[in-house]
Amino acid sequence: MFLFLVSVGMSLIFGVTRIVNLAHGSLYMVGAYLMVTLVEFLPDRPWSFWVALLLAPLGVAMLGGLIEVALLRLI
C-alpha cells in the first residue's frame, strides 16, 4: 500500500509538471526519523508506538505546509 501511494504521488507530479521530482523521498525520510525520535522520546508504554505513528505524519504534514508557504510560493 505504501509503495502504491509513493508511485501515485510521483506519477501525478510527473504527469502535471513533466519534471521528475524526487522530493517525496526526503519527506518520507524525515517522517521515519521523526517516528523513531518520538518513540524514543515518549515514555516506555504500550501505546507510545501508536501515538508516535499518529504524530509523525502530522509533523511531516506541517513541515510540508511550511515549506510550501515559506519557499514554494515565492517561486
PDB file of N, CA and C in Angstrom:
ATOM      1  N   MET A   1       0.827  -1.193   0.000  1.00  0.00           N
ATOM      2  CA  MET A   1       0.000   0.000   0.000  1.00  0.00           C
ATOM      3  C   MET A   1       0.871   1.258   0.000  1.00  0.00           C
ATOM      4  N   PHE A   2       1.932   1.222   0.804  1.00  0.00           N
ATOM      5  CA  PHE A   2       2.817   2.385   0.885  1.00  0.00           C
ATOM      6  C   PHE A   2       3.492   2.645  -0.456  1.00  0.00           C
ATOM      7  N   LEU A   3       3.979   1.581  -1.093  1.00  0.00           N
ATOM      8  CA  LEU A   3       4.639   1.744  -2.387  1.00  0.00           C
ATOM      9  C   LEU A   3       3.665   2.278  -3.431  1.00  0.00           C
ATOM     10  N   PHE A   4       2.423   1.859  -3.349  1.00  0.00           N
ATOM     11  CA  PHE A   4       1.398   2.373  -4.256  1.00  0.00           C
ATOM     12  C   PHE A   4       1.220   3.879  -4.077  1.00  0.00           C
ATOM     13  N   LEU A   5       1.159   4.345  -2.831  1.00  0.00           N
ATOM     14  CA  LEU A   5       0.987   5.777  -2.577  1.00  0.00           C
ATOM     15  C   LEU A   5       2.182   6.583  -3.075  1.00  0.00           C
ATOM     16  N   VAL A   6       3.385   6.047  -2.882  1.00  0.00           N
ATOM     17  CA  VAL A   6       4.586   6.733  -3.360  1.00  0.00           C
ATOM     18  C   VAL A   6       4.566   6.822  -4.882  1.00  0.00           C
ATOM     19  N   SER A   7       4.247   5.723  -5.548  1.00  0.00           N
ATOM     20  CA  SER A   7       4.264   5.726  -7.010  1.00  0.00           C
ATOM     21  C   SER A   7       3.155   6.607  -7.589  1.00  0.00           C
ATOM     22  N   VAL A   8       1.995   6.633  -6.958  1.00  0.00           N
ATOM     23  CA  VAL A   8       0.920   7.506  -7.439  1.00  0.00           C
ATOM     24  C   VAL A   8       1.310   8.973  -7.275  1.00  0.00           C
ATOM     25  N   GLY A   9       1.920   9.317  -6.158  1.00  0.00           N
ATOM     26  CA  GLY A   9       2.364  10.693  -5.952  1.00  0.00           C
ATOM     27  C   GLY A   9       3.394  11.122  -6.978  1.00  0.00           C
ATOM     28  N   MET A  10       4.354  10.246  -7.249  1.00  0.00           N
ATOM     29  CA  MET A  10       5.382  10.593  -8.234  1.00  0.00           C
ATOM     30  C   MET A  10       4.792  10.666  -9.639  1.00  0.00           C
ATOM     31  N   SER A  11       3.877   9.766  -9.977  1.00  0.00           N
ATOM     32  CA  SER A  11       3.240   9.796 -11.294  1.00  0.00           C
ATOM     33  C   SER A  11       2.410  11.057 -11.477  1.00  0.00           C
ATOM     34  N   LEU A  12       1.723  11.467 -10.434  1.00  0.00           N
ATOM     35  CA  LEU A  12       0.905  12.670 -10.506  1.00  0.00           C
ATOM     36  C   LEU A  12       1.771  13.906 -10.727  1.00  0.00           C
ATOM     37  N   ILE A  13       2.853  14.013  -9.976  1.00  0.00           N
ATOM     38  CA  ILE A  13       3.750  15.163 -10.130  1.00  0.00           C
ATOM     39  C   ILE A  13       4.370  15.174 -11.521  1.00  0.00           C
ATOM     40  N   PHE A  14       4.841  14.012 -11.986  1.00  0.00           N
ATOM     41  CA  PHE A  14       5.453  13.960 -13.313  1.00  0.00           C
ATOM     42  C   PHE A  14       4.422  14.233 -14.402  1.00  0.00           C
ATOM     43  N   GLY A  15       3.211  13.723 -14.244  1.00  0.00           N
ATOM     44  CA  GLY A  15       2.182  13.928 -15.255  1.00  0.00           C
ATOM     45  C   GLY A  15       1.762  15.375 -15.391  1.00  0.00           C
ATOM     46  N   VAL A  16       1.752  16.107 -14.302  1.00  0.00           N
ATOM     47  CA  VAL A  16       1.310  17.501 -14.337  1.00  0.00           C
ATOM     48  C   VAL A  16       2.436  18.428 -14.765  1.00  0.00           C
ATOM     49  N   THR A  17       3.630  18.243 -14.202  1.00  0.00           N
ATOM     50  CA  THR A  17       4.710  19.200 -14.441  1.00  0.00           C
ATOM     51  C   THR A  17       5.726  18.753 -15.485  1.00  0.00           C
ATOM     52  N   ARG A  18       5.708  17.480 -15.842  1.00  0.00           N
ATOM     53  CA  ARG A  18       6.705  16.898 -16.755  1.00  0.00           C
ATOM     54  C   ARG A  18       8.130  17.052 -16.226  1.00  0.00           C
ATOM     55  N   ILE A  19       8.264  17.108 -14.906  1.00  0.00           N
ATOM     56  CA  ILE A  19       9.565  17.171 -14.241  1.00  0.00           C
ATOM     57  C   ILE A  19       9.620  16.029 -13.244  1.00  0.00           C
ATOM     58  N   VAL A  20      10.724  15.276 -13.267  1.00  0.00           N
ATOM     59  CA  VAL A  20      10.890  14.200 -12.299  1.00  0.00           C
ATOM     60  C   VAL A  20      11.284  14.829 -10.970  1.00  0.00           C
ATOM     61  N   ASN A  21      10.420  14.717  -9.979  1.00  0.00           N
ATOM     62  CA  ASN A  21      10.639  15.331  -8.675  1.00  0.00           C
ATOM     63  C   ASN A  21      10.789  14.227  -7.640  1.00  0.00           C
ATOM     64  N   LEU A  22      11.946  14.142  -7.026  1.00  0.00           N
ATOM     65  CA  LEU A  22      12.214  13.103  -6.040  1.00  0.00           C
ATOM     66  C   LEU A  22      12.176  13.643  -4.619  1.00  0.00           C
ATOM     67  N   ALA A  23      11.503  14.758  -4.402  1.00  0.00           N
ATOM     68  CA  ALA A  23      11.427  15.350  -3.069  1.00  0.00           C
ATOM     69  C   ALA A  23      10.531  14.551  -2.130  1.00  0.00           C
ATOM     70  N   HIS A  24       9.671  13.689  -2.674  1.00  0.00           N
ATOM     71  CA  HIS A  24       8.827  12.863  -1.816  1.00  0.00           C
ATOM     72  C   HIS A  24       9.679  12.028  -0.876  1.00  0.00           C
ATOM     73  N   GLY A  25      10.761  11.488  -1.393  1.00  0.00           N
ATOM     74  CA  GLY A  25      11.624  10.622  -0.588  1.00  0.00           C
ATOM     75  C   GLY A  25      12.211  11.325   0.612  1.00  0.00           C
ATOM     76  N   SER A  26      12.539  12.592   0.468  1.00  0.00           N
ATOM     77  CA  SER A  26      13.117  13.317   1.603  1.00  0.00           C
ATOM     78  C   SER A  26      12.086  13.521   2.708  1.00  0.00           C
ATOM     79  N   LEU A  27      10.843  13.770   2.338  1.00  0.00           N
ATOM     80  CA  LEU A  27       9.812  13.915   3.367  1.00  0.00           C
ATOM     81  C   LEU A  27       9.480  12.576   4.016  1.00  0.00           C
ATOM     82  N   TYR A  28       9.537  11.484   3.256  1.00  0.00           N
ATOM     83  CA  TYR A  28       9.341  10.161   3.862  1.00  0.00           C
ATOM     84  C   TYR A  28      10.460   9.864   4.850  1.00  0.00           C
ATOM     85  N   MET A  29      11.695  10.258   4.504  1.00  0.00           N
ATOM     86  CA  MET A  29      12.829  10.043   5.399  1.00  0.00           C
ATOM     87  C   MET A  29      12.667  10.865   6.678  1.00  0.00           C
ATOM     88  N   VAL A  30      12.239  12.111   6.551  1.00  0.00           N
ATOM     89  CA  VAL A  30      12.002  12.944   7.732  1.00  0.00           C
ATOM     90  C   VAL A  30      10.919  12.321   8.601  1.00  0.00           C
ATOM     91  N   GLY A  31       9.887  11.777   7.982  1.00  0.00           N
ATOM     92  CA  GLY A  31       8.832  11.111   8.732  1.00  0.00           C
ATOM     93  C   GLY A  31       9.338   9.895   9.488  1.00  0.00           C
ATOM     94  N   ALA A  32      10.216   9.123   8.863  1.00  0.00           N
ATOM     95  CA  ALA A  32      10.771   7.946   9.539  1.00  0.00           C
ATOM     96  C   ALA A  32      11.645   8.358  10.718  1.00  0.00           C
ATOM     97  N   TYR A  33      12.484   9.357  10.520  1.00  0.00           N
ATOM     98  CA  TYR A  33      13.320   9.837  11.626  1.00  0.00           C
ATOM     99  C   TYR A  33      12.471  10.440  12.745  1.00  0.00           C
ATOM    100  N   LEU A  34      11.431  11.156  12.383  1.00  0.00           N
ATOM    101  CA  LEU A  34      10.538  11.723  13.394  1.00  0.00           C
ATOM    102  C   LEU A  34       9.832  10.620  14.168  1.00  0.00           C
ATOM    103  N   MET A  35       9.447   9.562  13.482  1.00  0.00           N
ATOM    104  CA  MET A  35       8.796   8.431  14.148  1.00  0.00           C
ATOM    105  C   MET A  35       9.731   7.789  15.165  1.00  0.00           C
ATOM    106  N   VAL A  36      10.972   7.544  14.774  1.00  0.00           N
ATOM    107  CA  VAL A  36      11.940   6.931  15.689  1.00  0.00           C
ATOM    108  C   VAL A  36      12.225   7.860  16.863  1.00  0.00           C
ATOM    109  N   THR A  37      12.357   9.149  16.594  1.00  0.00           N
ATOM    110  CA  THR A  37      12.613  10.110  17.664  1.00  0.00           C
ATOM    111  C   THR A  37      11.454  10.164  18.651  1.00  0.00           C
ATOM    112  N   LEU A  38      10.241  10.152  18.136  1.00  0.00           N
ATOM    113  CA  LEU A  38       9.079  10.179  19.025  1.00  0.00           C
ATOM    114  C   LEU A  38       8.966   8.904  19.853  1.00  0.00           C
ATOM    115  N   VAL A  39       9.268   7.762  19.263  1.00  0.00           N
ATOM    116  CA  VAL A  39       9.217   6.505  20.017  1.00  0.00           C
ATOM    117  C   VAL A  39      10.242   6.527  21.139  1.00  0.00           C
ATOM    118  N   GLU A  40      11.419   7.079  20.870  1.00  0.00           N
ATOM    119  CA  GLU A  40      12.451   7.161  21.904  1.00  0.00           C
ATOM    120  C   GLU A  40      12.115   8.214  22.956  1.00  0.00           C
ATOM    121  N   PHE A  41      11.451   9.283  22.557  1.00  0.00           N
ATOM    122  CA  PHE A  41      11.157  10.393  23.462  1.00  0.00           C
ATOM    123  C   PHE A  41       9.976  10.095  24.381  1.00  0.00           C
ATOM    124  N   LEU A  42       8.951   9.445  23.855  1.00  0.00           N
ATOM    125  CA  LEU A  42       7.759   9.146  24.650  1.00  0.00           C
ATOM    126  C   LEU A  42       8.088   8.116  25.725  1.00  0.00           C
ATOM    127  N   PRO A  43       7.349   8.129  26.824  1.00  0.00           N
ATOM    128  CA  PRO A  43       7.615   7.152  27.887  1.00  0.00           C
ATOM    129  C   PRO A  43       7.390   5.724  27.391  1.00  0.00           C
ATOM    130  N   ASP A  44       8.059   4.794  28.042  1.00  0.00           N
ATOM    131  CA  ASP A  44       8.001   3.395  27.629  1.00  0.00           C
ATOM    132  C   ASP A  44       6.665   2.782  28.055  1.00  0.00           C
ATOM    133  N   ARG A  45       5.683   2.990  27.223  1.00  0.00           N
ATOM    134  CA  ARG A  45       4.337   2.471  27.458  1.00  0.00           C
ATOM    135  C   ARG A  45       3.916   1.668  26.222  1.00  0.00           C
ATOM    136  N   PRO A  46       2.926   0.811  26.345  1.00  0.00           N
ATOM    137  CA  PRO A  46       2.471   0.050  25.170  1.00  0.00           C
ATOM    138  C   PRO A  46       1.879   0.931  24.067  1.00  0.00           C
ATOM    139  N   TRP A  47       1.364   2.086  24.413  1.00  0.00           N
ATOM    140  CA  TRP A  47       0.720   2.956  23.437  1.00  0.00           C
ATOM    141  C   TRP A  47       1.667   3.959  22.800  1.00  0.00           C
ATOM    142  N   SER A  48       2.923   4.033  23.230  1.00  0.00           N
ATOM    143  CA  SER A  48       3.819   5.074  22.715  1.00  0.00           C
ATOM    144  C   SER A  48       4.101   4.904  21.224  1.00  0.00           C
ATOM    145  N   PHE A  49       4.196   3.665  20.754  1.00  0.00           N
ATOM    146  CA  PHE A  49       4.416   3.437  19.325  1.00  0.00           C
ATOM    147  C   PHE A  49       3.248   3.974  18.510  1.00  0.00           C
ATOM    148  N   TRP A  50       2.029   3.716  18.960  1.00  0.00           N
ATOM    149  CA  TRP A  50       0.847   4.128  18.210  1.00  0.00           C
ATOM    150  C   TRP A  50       0.665   5.643  18.230  1.00  0.00           C
ATOM    151  N   VAL A  51       1.013   6.266  19.332  1.00  0.00           N
ATOM    152  CA  VAL A  51       0.950   7.731  19.396  1.00  0.00           C
ATOM    153  C   VAL A  51       1.979   8.334  18.445  1.00  0.00           C
ATOM    154  N   ALA A  52       3.184   7.765  18.424  1.00  0.00           N
ATOM    155  CA  ALA A  52       4.211   8.250  17.505  1.00  0.00           C
ATOM    156  C   ALA A  52       3.799   8.013  16.056  1.00  0.00           C
ATOM    157  N   LEU A  53       3.120   6.902  15.805  1.00  0.00           N
ATOM    158  CA  LEU A  53       2.652   6.602  14.453  1.00  0.00           C
ATOM    159  C   LEU A  53       1.599   7.607  13.987  1.00  0.00           C
ATOM    160  N   LEU A  54       0.848   8.159  14.902  1.00  0.00           N
ATOM    161  CA  LEU A  54      -0.132   9.189  14.555  1.00  0.00           C
ATOM    162  C   LEU A  54       0.492  10.581  14.465  1.00  0.00           C
ATOM    163  N   LEU A  55       1.482  10.865  15.314  1.00  0.00           N
ATOM    164  CA  LEU A  55       2.076  12.202  15.353  1.00  0.00           C
ATOM    165  C   LEU A  55       3.096  12.444  14.243  1.00  0.00           C
ATOM    166  N   ALA A  56       3.810  11.416  13.813  1.00  0.00           N
ATOM    167  CA  ALA A  56       4.847  11.593  12.791  1.00  0.00           C
ATOM    168  C   ALA A  56       4.272  12.112  11.470  1.00  0.00           C
ATOM    169  N   PRO A  57       3.201  11.543  10.925  1.00  0.00           N
ATOM    170  CA  PRO A  57       2.648  12.116   9.688  1.00  0.00           C
ATOM    171  C   PRO A  57       2.120  13.539   9.864  1.00  0.00           C
ATOM    172  N   LEU A  58       1.589  13.835  11.038  1.00  0.00           N
ATOM    173  CA  LEU A  58       1.127  15.204  11.282  1.00  0.00           C
ATOM    174  C   LEU A  58       2.297  16.184  11.282  1.00  0.00           C
ATOM    175  N   GLY A  59       3.414  15.779  11.879  1.00  0.00           N
ATOM    176  CA  GLY A  59       4.606  16.623  11.875  1.00  0.00           C
ATOM    177  C   GLY A  59       5.149  16.838  10.476  1.00  0.00           C
ATOM    178  N   VAL A  60       5.164  15.781   9.670  1.00  0.00           N
ATOM    179  CA  VAL A  60       5.649  15.905   8.293  1.00  0.00           C
ATOM    180  C   VAL A  60       4.682  16.750   7.463  1.00  0.00           C
ATOM    181  N   ALA A  61       3.391  16.627   7.720  1.00  0.00           N
ATOM    182  CA  ALA A  61       2.419  17.459   7.003  1.00  0.00           C
ATOM    183  C   ALA A  61       2.617  18.935   7.338  1.00  0.00           C
ATOM    184  N   MET A  62       2.885  19.229   8.605  1.00  0.00           N
ATOM    185  CA  MET A  62       3.147  20.621   8.984  1.00  0.00           C
ATOM    186  C   MET A  62       4.439  21.123   8.348  1.00  0.00           C
ATOM    187  N   LEU A  63       5.464  20.271   8.307  1.00  0.00           N
ATOM    188  CA  LEU A  63       6.713  20.657   7.654  1.00  0.00           C
ATOM    189  C   LEU A  63       6.495  20.900   6.168  1.00  0.00           C
ATOM    190  N   GLY A  64       5.730  20.038   5.512  1.00  0.00           N
ATOM    191  CA  GLY A  64       5.423  20.230   4.095  1.00  0.00           C
ATOM    192  C   GLY A  64       4.649  21.510   3.848  1.00  0.00           C
ATOM    193  N   GLY A  65       3.696  21.812   4.714  1.00  0.00           N
ATOM    194  CA  GLY A  65       2.960  23.070   4.585  1.00  0.00           C
ATOM    195  C   GLY A  65       3.845  24.279   4.788  1.00  0.00           C
ATOM    196  N   LEU A  66       4.755  24.186   5.749  1.00  0.00           N
ATOM    197  CA  LEU A  66       5.694  25.283   5.991  1.00  0.00           C
ATOM    198  C   LEU A  66       6.623  25.487   4.800  1.00  0.00           C
ATOM    199  N   ILE A  67       7.105  24.406   4.215  1.00  0.00           N
ATOM    200  CA  ILE A  67       7.962  24.507   3.030  1.00  0.00           C
ATOM    201  C   ILE A  67       7.193  25.141   1.878  1.00  0.00           C
ATOM    202  N   GLU A  68       5.938  24.747   1.717  1.00  0.00           N
ATOM    203  CA  GLU A  68       5.133  25.287   0.624  1.00  0.00           C
ATOM    204  C   GLU A  68       4.876  26.780   0.798  1.00  0.00           C
ATOM    205  N   VAL A  69       4.530  27.189   2.015  1.00  0.00           N
ATOM    206  CA  VAL A  69       4.216  28.600   2.260  1.00  0.00           C
ATOM    207  C   VAL A  69       5.479  29.457   2.242  1.00  0.00           C
ATOM    208  N   ALA A  70       6.537  28.982   2.881  1.00  0.00           N
ATOM    209  CA  ALA A  70       7.737  29.805   3.041  1.00  0.00           C
ATOM    210  C   ALA A  70       8.627  29.823   1.802  1.00  0.00           C
ATOM    211  N   LEU A  71       8.653  28.729   1.040  1.00  0.00           N
ATOM    212  CA  LEU A  71       9.605  28.652  -0.069  1.00  0.00           C
ATOM    213  C   LEU A  71       8.947  28.568  -1.444  1.00  0.00           C
ATOM    214  N   LEU A  72       8.002  27.661  -1.606  1.00  0.00           N
ATOM    215  CA  LEU A  72       7.483  27.394  -2.944  1.00  0.00           C
ATOM    216  C   LEU A  72       6.568  28.491  -3.462  1.00  0.00           C
ATOM    217  N   ARG A  73       5.865  29.172  -2.607  1.00  0.00           N
ATOM    218  CA  ARG A  73       5.007  30.267  -3.086  1.00  0.00           C
ATOM    219  C   ARG A  73       5.817  31.470  -3.542  1.00  0.00           C
ATOM    220  N   LEU A  74       7.067  31.541  -3.119  1.00  0.00           N
ATOM    221  CA  LEU A  74       7.920  32.660  -3.529  1.00  0.00           C
ATOM    222  C   LEU A  74       8.447  32.483  -4.946  1.00  0.00           C
ATOM    223  N   ILE A  75       8.416  31.263  -5.441  1.00  0.00           N
ATOM    224  CA  ILE A  75       8.965  30.990  -6.779  1.00  0.00           C
ATOM    225  C   ILE A  75       7.962  31.390  -7.837  1.00  0.00           C
TER     226      ILE A  75
END
